[in-house]
Amino acid sequence: MGIFDDIKNAADTNEEKVEAVIDQAGDFIDQKTDGKYADKVDQAQDFLKDQIGQPNDAAPAPAEQPAAPVEGEQA
């Protein structure tokens, strides 16, 4: 078991505390940015909260990004 597994297990056993910290961090960021990125912060908070309690190998694969155009090509 690696260090990240240990951290995830600790987070899973203290789910309510971790979710409270996620909320506090999001509120702090919203306050410092005057809510400019509130939608992105909320999205990140929801993602992190969804990861708590999930098996370590159940993390969703990142969404595929469209390939960047080659220099000199027009999209």
N, C-alpha and C. Protein backbone atom coordinates (compact mmCIF):
# COMPACT_ATOMS: atom_id res chain seq x y z
N MET A 1 0.84 -1.18 0.00
CA MET A 1 0.00 0.00 0.00
C MET A 1 0.89 1.24 0.00
N GLY A 2 0.63 2.15 -0.92
CA GLY A 2 1.42 3.36 -1.03
C GLY A 2 0.90 4.48 -0.16
N ILE A 3 1.63 5.55 -0.16
CA ILE A 3 1.25 6.71 0.67
C ILE A 3 -0.09 7.30 0.22
N PHE A 4 -0.35 7.29 -1.09
CA PHE A 4 -1.61 7.85 -1.57
C PHE A 4 -2.80 6.99 -1.13
N ASP A 5 -2.59 5.69 -1.07
CA ASP A 5 -3.65 4.80 -0.56
C ASP A 5 -3.92 5.09 0.91
N ASP A 6 -2.85 5.35 1.67
CA ASP A 6 -3.01 5.68 3.09
C ASP A 6 -3.79 6.99 3.26
N ILE A 7 -3.46 7.97 2.43
CA ILE A 7 -4.15 9.27 2.49
C ILE A 7 -5.62 9.09 2.13
N LYS A 8 -5.89 8.35 1.06
CA LYS A 8 -7.27 8.13 0.63
C LYS A 8 -8.05 7.39 1.70
N ASN A 9 -7.45 6.40 2.33
CA ASN A 9 -8.14 5.67 3.40
C ASN A 9 -8.45 6.58 4.58
N ALA A 10 -7.52 7.45 4.92
CA ALA A 10 -7.76 8.40 6.01
C ALA A 10 -8.90 9.35 5.64
N ALA A 11 -8.93 9.80 4.40
CA ALA A 11 -10.00 10.69 3.95
C ALA A 11 -11.34 9.97 3.96
N ASP A 12 -11.34 8.71 3.55
CA ASP A 12 -12.59 7.94 3.53
C ASP A 12 -13.15 7.72 4.93
N THR A 13 -12.28 7.53 5.91
CA THR A 13 -12.77 7.28 7.27
C THR A 13 -13.20 8.56 7.97
N ASN A 14 -12.81 9.72 7.44
CA ASN A 14 -13.18 11.02 8.01
C ASN A 14 -13.94 11.84 6.97
N GLU A 15 -14.88 11.21 6.32
CA GLU A 15 -15.57 11.81 5.18
C GLU A 15 -16.20 13.17 5.50
N GLU A 16 -16.90 13.28 6.62
CA GLU A 16 -17.57 14.53 6.96
C GLU A 16 -16.57 15.67 7.16
N LYS A 17 -15.46 15.38 7.82
CA LYS A 17 -14.44 16.40 8.06
C LYS A 17 -13.79 16.84 6.75
N VAL A 18 -13.52 15.89 5.87
CA VAL A 18 -12.89 16.21 4.59
C VAL A 18 -13.83 17.06 3.75
N GLU A 19 -15.11 16.70 3.72
CA GLU A 19 -16.07 17.49 2.96
C GLU A 19 -16.18 18.90 3.51
N ALA A 20 -16.11 19.06 4.83
CA ALA A 20 -16.16 20.39 5.43
C ALA A 20 -14.94 21.22 5.00
N VAL A 21 -13.78 20.58 4.95
CA VAL A 21 -12.56 21.29 4.52
C VAL A 21 -12.66 21.68 3.04
N ILE A 22 -13.22 20.79 2.22
CA ILE A 22 -13.41 21.10 0.80
C ILE A 22 -14.32 22.33 0.66
N ASP A 23 -15.40 22.37 1.45
CA ASP A 23 -16.30 23.53 1.42
C ASP A 23 -15.60 24.80 1.87
N GLN A 24 -14.81 24.70 2.93
CA GLN A 24 -14.08 25.87 3.44
C GLN A 24 -13.08 26.38 2.41
N ALA A 25 -12.39 25.47 1.76
CA ALA A 25 -11.41 25.87 0.75
C ALA A 25 -12.10 26.55 -0.42
N GLY A 26 -13.22 26.00 -0.85
CA GLY A 26 -13.97 26.62 -1.94
C GLY A 26 -14.49 28.00 -1.57
N ASP A 27 -15.00 28.14 -0.36
CA ASP A 27 -15.48 29.44 0.10
C ASP A 27 -14.34 30.46 0.15
N PHE A 28 -13.17 30.01 0.59
CA PHE A 28 -12.00 30.89 0.66
C PHE A 28 -11.60 31.37 -0.74
N ILE A 29 -11.58 30.44 -1.68
CA ILE A 29 -11.22 30.82 -3.06
C ILE A 29 -12.26 31.77 -3.64
N ASP A 30 -13.54 31.49 -3.41
CA ASP A 30 -14.60 32.39 -3.89
C ASP A 30 -14.44 33.78 -3.29
N GLN A 31 -14.11 33.84 -2.02
CA GLN A 31 -13.95 35.12 -1.34
C GLN A 31 -12.77 35.90 -1.95
N LYS A 32 -11.65 35.22 -2.15
CA LYS A 32 -10.45 35.89 -2.66
C LYS A 32 -10.57 36.30 -4.12
N THR A 33 -11.41 35.61 -4.88
CA THR A 33 -11.58 35.93 -6.30
C THR A 33 -12.89 36.67 -6.57
N ASP A 34 -13.56 37.09 -5.50
CA ASP A 34 -14.85 37.78 -5.62
C ASP A 34 -15.86 36.96 -6.43
N GLY A 35 -15.78 35.65 -6.32
CA GLY A 35 -16.73 34.77 -6.98
C GLY A 35 -16.53 34.65 -8.49
N LYS A 36 -15.45 35.19 -8.99
CA LYS A 36 -15.20 35.18 -10.44
C LYS A 36 -15.18 33.76 -11.01
N TYR A 37 -14.66 32.82 -10.23
CA TYR A 37 -14.54 31.44 -10.69
C TYR A 37 -15.46 30.50 -9.92
N ALA A 38 -16.56 31.02 -9.40
CA ALA A 38 -17.45 30.24 -8.54
C ALA A 38 -17.94 28.97 -9.21
N ASP A 39 -18.27 29.03 -10.50
CA ASP A 39 -18.76 27.83 -11.18
C ASP A 39 -17.68 26.75 -11.27
N LYS A 40 -16.44 27.15 -11.52
CA LYS A 40 -15.34 26.17 -11.59
C LYS A 40 -15.02 25.63 -10.20
N VAL A 41 -15.08 26.50 -9.19
CA VAL A 41 -14.82 26.06 -7.82
C VAL A 41 -15.87 25.06 -7.38
N ASP A 42 -17.13 25.33 -7.68
CA ASP A 42 -18.21 24.41 -7.33
C ASP A 42 -18.03 23.07 -8.04
N GLN A 43 -17.62 23.13 -9.30
CA GLN A 43 -17.39 21.91 -10.07
C GLN A 43 -16.27 21.08 -9.43
N ALA A 44 -15.19 21.74 -9.01
CA ALA A 44 -14.07 21.05 -8.38
C ALA A 44 -14.50 20.46 -7.03
N GLN A 45 -15.28 21.22 -6.27
CA GLN A 45 -15.76 20.72 -4.98
C GLN A 45 -16.60 19.47 -5.17
N ASP A 46 -17.51 19.50 -6.12
CA ASP A 46 -18.37 18.34 -6.37
C ASP A 46 -17.53 17.13 -6.79
N PHE A 47 -16.54 17.35 -7.65
CA PHE A 47 -15.68 16.25 -8.09
C PHE A 47 -14.95 15.64 -6.90
N LEU A 48 -14.36 16.48 -6.06
CA LEU A 48 -13.61 15.97 -4.92
C LEU A 48 -14.51 15.22 -3.95
N LYS A 49 -15.69 15.75 -3.70
CA LYS A 49 -16.62 15.08 -2.78
C LYS A 49 -17.06 13.73 -3.34
N ASP A 50 -17.22 13.64 -4.67
CA ASP A 50 -17.60 12.37 -5.29
C ASP A 50 -16.51 11.32 -5.17
N GLN A 51 -15.25 11.75 -5.06
CA GLN A 51 -14.13 10.82 -4.99
C GLN A 51 -13.99 10.19 -3.60
N ILE A 52 -14.52 10.84 -2.59
CA ILE A 52 -14.43 10.31 -1.23
C ILE A 52 -15.31 9.07 -1.15
N GLY A 53 -14.75 7.99 -0.65
CA GLY A 53 -15.49 6.76 -0.50
C GLY A 53 -15.44 5.85 -1.71
N GLN A 54 -14.88 6.33 -2.81
CA GLN A 54 -14.75 5.51 -4.01
C GLN A 54 -13.52 4.61 -3.89
N PRO A 55 -13.56 3.43 -4.46
CA PRO A 55 -12.36 2.59 -4.50
C PRO A 55 -11.25 3.33 -5.26
N ASN A 56 -10.02 3.04 -4.93
CA ASN A 56 -8.89 3.74 -5.53
C ASN A 56 -8.83 3.60 -7.04
N ASP A 57 -9.30 2.50 -7.58
CA ASP A 57 -9.24 2.31 -9.03
C ASP A 57 -10.51 2.75 -9.74
N ALA A 58 -11.44 3.37 -9.03
CA ALA A 58 -12.71 3.76 -9.62
C ALA A 58 -12.72 5.20 -10.10
N ALA A 59 -11.58 5.87 -10.08
CA ALA A 59 -11.52 7.25 -10.54
C ALA A 59 -11.86 7.30 -12.02
N PRO A 60 -12.72 8.22 -12.43
CA PRO A 60 -13.11 8.29 -13.83
C PRO A 60 -11.92 8.72 -14.69
N ALA A 61 -11.92 8.23 -15.90
CA ALA A 61 -10.87 8.63 -16.84
C ALA A 61 -11.10 10.08 -17.23
N PRO A 62 -10.04 10.84 -17.42
CA PRO A 62 -10.22 12.24 -17.82
C PRO A 62 -10.89 12.33 -19.18
N ALA A 63 -11.69 13.36 -19.36
CA ALA A 63 -12.37 13.56 -20.63
C ALA A 63 -11.35 13.80 -21.72
N GLU A 64 -11.63 13.24 -22.89
CA GLU A 64 -10.70 13.42 -24.00
C GLU A 64 -10.81 14.84 -24.52
N GLN A 65 -9.67 15.43 -24.78
CA GLN A 65 -9.61 16.77 -25.33
C GLN A 65 -9.43 16.66 -26.84
N PRO A 66 -10.05 17.56 -27.60
CA PRO A 66 -9.83 17.51 -29.04
C PRO A 66 -8.36 17.81 -29.34
N ALA A 67 -7.87 17.18 -30.37
CA ALA A 67 -6.46 17.38 -30.74
C ALA A 67 -6.24 18.82 -31.15
N ALA A 68 -5.12 19.37 -30.72
CA ALA A 68 -4.78 20.74 -31.08
C ALA A 68 -4.39 20.78 -32.55
N PRO A 69 -4.78 21.84 -33.25
CA PRO A 69 -4.41 21.92 -34.67
C PRO A 69 -2.90 22.04 -34.81
N VAL A 70 -2.39 21.45 -35.86
CA VAL A 70 -0.97 21.52 -36.16
C VAL A 70 -0.64 22.93 -36.62
N GLU A 71 0.51 23.41 -36.21
CA GLU A 71 0.90 24.77 -36.58
C GLU A 71 0.86 24.92 -38.09
N GLY A 72 0.22 25.98 -38.54
CA GLY A 72 0.09 26.23 -39.98
C GLY A 72 -1.22 25.74 -40.54
N GLU A 73 -1.91 24.85 -39.85
CA GLU A 73 -3.22 24.35 -40.28
C GLU A 73 -4.29 25.25 -39.75
N GLN A 74 -5.38 25.33 -40.47
CA GLN A 74 -6.52 26.06 -39.98
C GLN A 74 -7.57 25.06 -39.54
N ALA A 75 -8.26 25.40 -38.45
CA ALA A 75 -9.27 24.50 -37.91
C ALA A 75 -10.54 24.60 -38.69
